[in-house]
N, C-alpha and C. Protein backbone atom coordinates (compact mmCIF):
# COMPACT_ATOMS: atom_id res chain seq x y z
N MET A 1 0.83 -1.19 0.00
CA MET A 1 0.00 0.00 0.00
C MET A 1 0.87 1.25 0.00
N GLU A 2 1.88 1.25 0.88
CA GLU A 2 2.78 2.41 0.95
C GLU A 2 3.55 2.58 -0.35
N ALA A 3 3.94 1.47 -0.97
CA ALA A 3 4.64 1.55 -2.26
C ALA A 3 3.76 2.21 -3.31
N CYS A 4 2.48 1.90 -3.31
CA CYS A 4 1.55 2.53 -4.26
C CYS A 4 1.47 4.03 -4.02
N ASN A 5 1.48 4.43 -2.73
CA ASN A 5 1.44 5.86 -2.41
C ASN A 5 2.69 6.57 -2.92
N ILE A 6 3.84 5.94 -2.74
CA ILE A 6 5.10 6.54 -3.21
C ILE A 6 5.05 6.70 -4.73
N LEU A 7 4.62 5.66 -5.42
CA LEU A 7 4.57 5.73 -6.88
C LEU A 7 3.54 6.73 -7.38
N SER A 8 2.41 6.85 -6.71
CA SER A 8 1.38 7.80 -7.15
C SER A 8 1.85 9.24 -6.94
N ARG A 9 2.61 9.49 -5.87
CA ARG A 9 3.16 10.84 -5.67
C ARG A 9 4.16 11.18 -6.77
N CYS A 10 4.90 10.17 -7.19
CA CYS A 10 5.92 10.37 -8.23
C CYS A 10 5.25 10.63 -9.59
N GLU A 11 4.16 9.96 -9.87
CA GLU A 11 3.48 10.11 -11.15
C GLU A 11 2.92 11.51 -11.34
N GLY A 12 2.51 12.13 -10.25
CA GLY A 12 1.91 13.45 -10.35
C GLY A 12 2.90 14.52 -10.75
N THR A 13 4.17 14.29 -10.50
CA THR A 13 5.18 15.28 -10.85
C THR A 13 6.04 14.72 -11.96
N CYS A 14 6.40 15.57 -12.87
CA CYS A 14 7.22 15.14 -13.99
C CYS A 14 8.71 15.37 -13.71
N SER A 15 9.01 15.91 -12.57
CA SER A 15 10.39 16.26 -12.27
C SER A 15 11.23 15.01 -12.03
N GLN A 16 12.44 15.05 -12.53
CA GLN A 16 13.35 13.92 -12.33
C GLN A 16 13.81 13.86 -10.88
N VAL A 17 13.86 15.00 -10.21
CA VAL A 17 14.24 15.03 -8.79
C VAL A 17 13.21 14.26 -7.97
N ALA A 18 11.95 14.46 -8.25
CA ALA A 18 10.89 13.74 -7.52
C ALA A 18 10.98 12.24 -7.79
N GLN A 19 11.28 11.90 -9.02
CA GLN A 19 11.43 10.47 -9.34
C GLN A 19 12.63 9.87 -8.63
N LEU A 20 13.72 10.63 -8.56
CA LEU A 20 14.91 10.14 -7.86
C LEU A 20 14.67 10.04 -6.35
N GLN A 21 13.87 10.94 -5.81
CA GLN A 21 13.56 10.88 -4.38
C GLN A 21 12.67 9.68 -4.04
N SER A 22 11.88 9.27 -5.00
CA SER A 22 11.00 8.13 -4.73
C SER A 22 11.77 6.81 -4.65
N ALA A 23 12.92 6.74 -5.32
CA ALA A 23 13.70 5.49 -5.30
C ALA A 23 14.20 5.14 -3.90
N PRO A 24 14.83 6.07 -3.14
CA PRO A 24 15.24 5.71 -1.78
C PRO A 24 14.07 5.39 -0.86
N GLN A 25 12.95 6.08 -1.06
CA GLN A 25 11.76 5.78 -0.25
C GLN A 25 11.28 4.35 -0.51
N THR A 26 11.28 3.97 -1.78
CA THR A 26 10.87 2.61 -2.14
C THR A 26 11.86 1.59 -1.59
N LEU A 27 13.14 1.88 -1.68
CA LEU A 27 14.15 0.96 -1.13
C LEU A 27 14.03 0.84 0.38
N ALA A 28 13.74 1.94 1.06
CA ALA A 28 13.55 1.89 2.52
C ALA A 28 12.35 1.02 2.86
N LEU A 29 11.30 1.14 2.08
CA LEU A 29 10.11 0.31 2.30
C LEU A 29 10.42 -1.17 2.09
N ILE A 30 11.17 -1.48 1.04
CA ILE A 30 11.56 -2.87 0.77
C ILE A 30 12.42 -3.40 1.91
N HIS A 31 13.33 -2.55 2.41
CA HIS A 31 14.19 -2.95 3.54
C HIS A 31 13.35 -3.27 4.77
N GLN A 32 12.38 -2.42 5.08
CA GLN A 32 11.51 -2.67 6.23
C GLN A 32 10.76 -4.00 6.08
N ASN A 33 10.29 -4.26 4.87
CA ASN A 33 9.58 -5.53 4.63
C ASN A 33 10.49 -6.73 4.81
N LEU A 34 11.73 -6.61 4.33
CA LEU A 34 12.69 -7.72 4.48
C LEU A 34 13.04 -7.97 5.95
N VAL A 35 13.18 -6.89 6.73
CA VAL A 35 13.45 -7.03 8.16
C VAL A 35 12.27 -7.73 8.83
N SER A 36 11.08 -7.34 8.48
CA SER A 36 9.88 -7.96 9.05
C SER A 36 9.79 -9.45 8.70
N ILE A 37 10.09 -9.78 7.45
CA ILE A 37 10.07 -11.18 7.02
C ILE A 37 11.13 -11.98 7.76
N THR A 38 12.32 -11.40 7.92
CA THR A 38 13.40 -12.08 8.64
C THR A 38 13.01 -12.35 10.08
N GLN A 39 12.40 -11.38 10.74
CA GLN A 39 11.95 -11.57 12.12
C GLN A 39 10.88 -12.64 12.21
N THR A 40 9.98 -12.66 11.26
CA THR A 40 8.93 -13.68 11.25
C THR A 40 9.52 -15.08 11.08
N ILE A 41 10.47 -15.21 10.18
CA ILE A 41 11.11 -16.52 9.96
C ILE A 41 11.88 -16.96 11.21
N ALA A 42 12.58 -16.01 11.84
CA ALA A 42 13.33 -16.35 13.06
C ALA A 42 12.39 -16.80 14.16
N THR A 43 11.27 -16.13 14.31
CA THR A 43 10.28 -16.52 15.31
C THR A 43 9.69 -17.88 14.99
N ALA A 44 9.39 -18.11 13.73
CA ALA A 44 8.82 -19.40 13.32
C ALA A 44 9.82 -20.52 13.56
N GLY A 45 11.10 -20.24 13.45
CA GLY A 45 12.11 -21.26 13.72
C GLY A 45 12.23 -21.58 15.19
N ARG A 46 11.93 -20.61 16.05
CA ARG A 46 12.03 -20.85 17.50
C ARG A 46 10.86 -21.68 18.01
N VAL A 47 9.73 -21.58 17.39
CA VAL A 47 8.54 -22.30 17.87
C VAL A 47 8.77 -23.81 17.91
N PRO A 48 9.22 -24.45 16.81
CA PRO A 48 9.44 -25.90 16.88
C PRO A 48 10.52 -26.29 17.90
N SER A 49 11.56 -25.47 18.03
CA SER A 49 12.61 -25.82 19.00
C SER A 49 12.08 -25.70 20.42
N ASN A 50 11.22 -24.72 20.69
CA ASN A 50 10.62 -24.59 22.02
C ASN A 50 9.69 -25.77 22.31
N ILE A 51 8.96 -26.20 21.30
CA ILE A 51 8.07 -27.36 21.48
C ILE A 51 8.89 -28.62 21.75
N ALA A 52 9.97 -28.80 21.02
CA ALA A 52 10.83 -29.96 21.23
C ALA A 52 11.45 -29.94 22.62
N ALA A 53 11.90 -28.77 23.07
CA ALA A 53 12.49 -28.66 24.41
C ALA A 53 11.44 -28.96 25.47
N HIS A 54 10.23 -28.51 25.27
CA HIS A 54 9.14 -28.80 26.20
C HIS A 54 8.88 -30.30 26.28
N ASP A 55 8.83 -30.95 25.12
CA ASP A 55 8.58 -32.39 25.09
C ASP A 55 9.67 -33.17 25.81
N VAL A 56 10.92 -32.79 25.60
CA VAL A 56 12.04 -33.47 26.26
C VAL A 56 11.94 -33.28 27.77
N THR A 57 11.62 -32.07 28.19
CA THR A 57 11.49 -31.80 29.63
C THR A 57 10.36 -32.62 30.24
N GLU A 58 9.24 -32.69 29.55
CA GLU A 58 8.11 -33.49 30.06
C GLU A 58 8.50 -34.96 30.18
N ARG A 59 9.21 -35.49 29.18
CA ARG A 59 9.62 -36.90 29.25
C ARG A 59 10.58 -37.14 30.41
N ARG A 60 11.49 -36.20 30.64
CA ARG A 60 12.43 -36.35 31.76
C ARG A 60 11.70 -36.31 33.09
N ILE A 61 10.72 -35.42 33.20
CA ILE A 61 9.94 -35.34 34.44
C ILE A 61 9.18 -36.64 34.66
N ASP A 62 8.55 -37.16 33.62
CA ASP A 62 7.81 -38.42 33.74
C ASP A 62 8.74 -39.57 34.11
N HIS A 63 9.91 -39.61 33.50
CA HIS A 63 10.88 -40.67 33.80
C HIS A 63 11.33 -40.58 35.25
N GLY A 64 11.62 -39.37 35.72
CA GLY A 64 12.02 -39.19 37.12
C GLY A 64 10.91 -39.58 38.07
N ARG A 65 9.68 -39.25 37.72
CA ARG A 65 8.53 -39.62 38.55
C ARG A 65 8.40 -41.14 38.63
N GLN A 66 8.56 -41.81 37.50
CA GLN A 66 8.47 -43.27 37.49
C GLN A 66 9.59 -43.89 38.31
N LEU A 67 10.78 -43.34 38.21
CA LEU A 67 11.90 -43.87 39.01
C LEU A 67 11.63 -43.72 40.50
N ARG A 68 11.10 -42.56 40.89
CA ARG A 68 10.79 -42.36 42.32
C ARG A 68 9.71 -43.32 42.80
N LEU A 69 8.71 -43.56 41.96
CA LEU A 69 7.63 -44.47 42.35
C LEU A 69 8.11 -45.92 42.45
N MET A 70 9.03 -46.29 41.59
CA MET A 70 9.49 -47.68 41.56
C MET A 70 10.67 -47.95 42.50
N ARG A 71 11.27 -46.90 43.06
CA ARG A 71 12.42 -47.07 43.94
C ARG A 71 11.99 -47.91 45.15
N ASP A 72 12.73 -48.91 45.45
CA ASP A 72 12.50 -49.81 46.59
C ASP A 72 11.17 -50.57 46.49
N TYR A 73 10.57 -50.60 45.32
CA TYR A 73 9.29 -51.29 45.17
C TYR A 73 9.44 -52.79 45.37
N ASN A 74 10.54 -53.38 44.88
CA ASN A 74 10.74 -54.82 44.96
C ASN A 74 11.37 -55.27 46.27
N GLN A 75 11.82 -54.36 47.10
CA GLN A 75 12.43 -54.75 48.36
C GLN A 75 11.35 -54.99 49.40
N GLY A 76 11.64 -55.94 50.28
CA GLY A 76 10.66 -56.28 51.31
C GLY A 76 10.48 -55.15 52.30
N SER A 77 9.36 -55.17 52.97
CA SER A 77 9.05 -54.16 53.95
C SER A 77 9.76 -54.48 55.26
N SER A 78 10.18 -53.45 55.98
CA SER A 78 10.86 -53.67 57.26
C SER A 78 9.87 -53.87 58.40
N SER A 79 8.60 -53.57 58.17
CA SER A 79 7.60 -53.75 59.23
C SER A 79 7.13 -55.20 59.23
N PRO A 80 6.79 -55.72 60.39
CA PRO A 80 6.30 -57.10 60.46
C PRO A 80 4.94 -57.22 59.79
N PRO A 81 4.56 -58.42 59.40
CA PRO A 81 3.24 -58.62 58.81
C PRO A 81 2.13 -58.17 59.76
N ILE A 82 0.98 -57.94 59.24
CA ILE A 82 -0.14 -57.41 60.03
C ILE A 82 -0.51 -58.36 61.17
N ALA A 83 -0.57 -59.65 60.90
CA ALA A 83 -0.96 -60.61 61.93
C ALA A 83 0.03 -60.58 63.10
N SER A 84 1.30 -60.46 62.83
CA SER A 84 2.31 -60.41 63.89
C SER A 84 2.15 -59.16 64.73
N ARG A 85 1.86 -58.06 64.11
CA ARG A 85 1.70 -56.81 64.87
C ARG A 85 0.46 -56.89 65.76
N LEU A 86 -0.60 -57.48 65.25
CA LEU A 86 -1.82 -57.59 66.06
C LEU A 86 -1.59 -58.48 67.28
N LEU A 87 -0.82 -59.57 67.12
CA LEU A 87 -0.51 -60.45 68.25
C LEU A 87 0.33 -59.72 69.28
N GLN A 88 1.27 -58.92 68.84
CA GLN A 88 2.13 -58.19 69.75
C GLN A 88 1.34 -57.15 70.54
N GLU A 89 0.34 -56.55 69.92
CA GLU A 89 -0.45 -55.53 70.58
C GLU A 89 -1.52 -56.13 71.48
N GLY A 90 -1.77 -57.40 71.34
CA GLY A 90 -2.77 -58.06 72.16
C GLY A 90 -4.18 -57.88 71.65
N SER A 91 -4.34 -57.48 70.40
CA SER A 91 -5.67 -57.25 69.85
C SER A 91 -6.27 -58.52 69.30
N TRP A 92 -5.61 -59.54 69.21
CA TRP A 92 -6.01 -60.79 68.56
C TRP A 92 -6.79 -61.66 69.41
């Protein structure tokens, strides 16, 4: 849209100076667009890497949680069986 405005201002004047002045304005506009495109691409590149880092972190948390839950699961209990405790307490 801005490029059209620059060109329409240039068309109204027949002066070569006005035409020469429109060239840097157009180049500045193109530069701004390229910077915007570059920023968009850079942002789009960060999104998948952030998602991948999140997934890895979640898997590590789940793995750690599973390890904590399974720690000492197969080892016997140090407390006596229920029947033995009841006999010791005299509740039997």
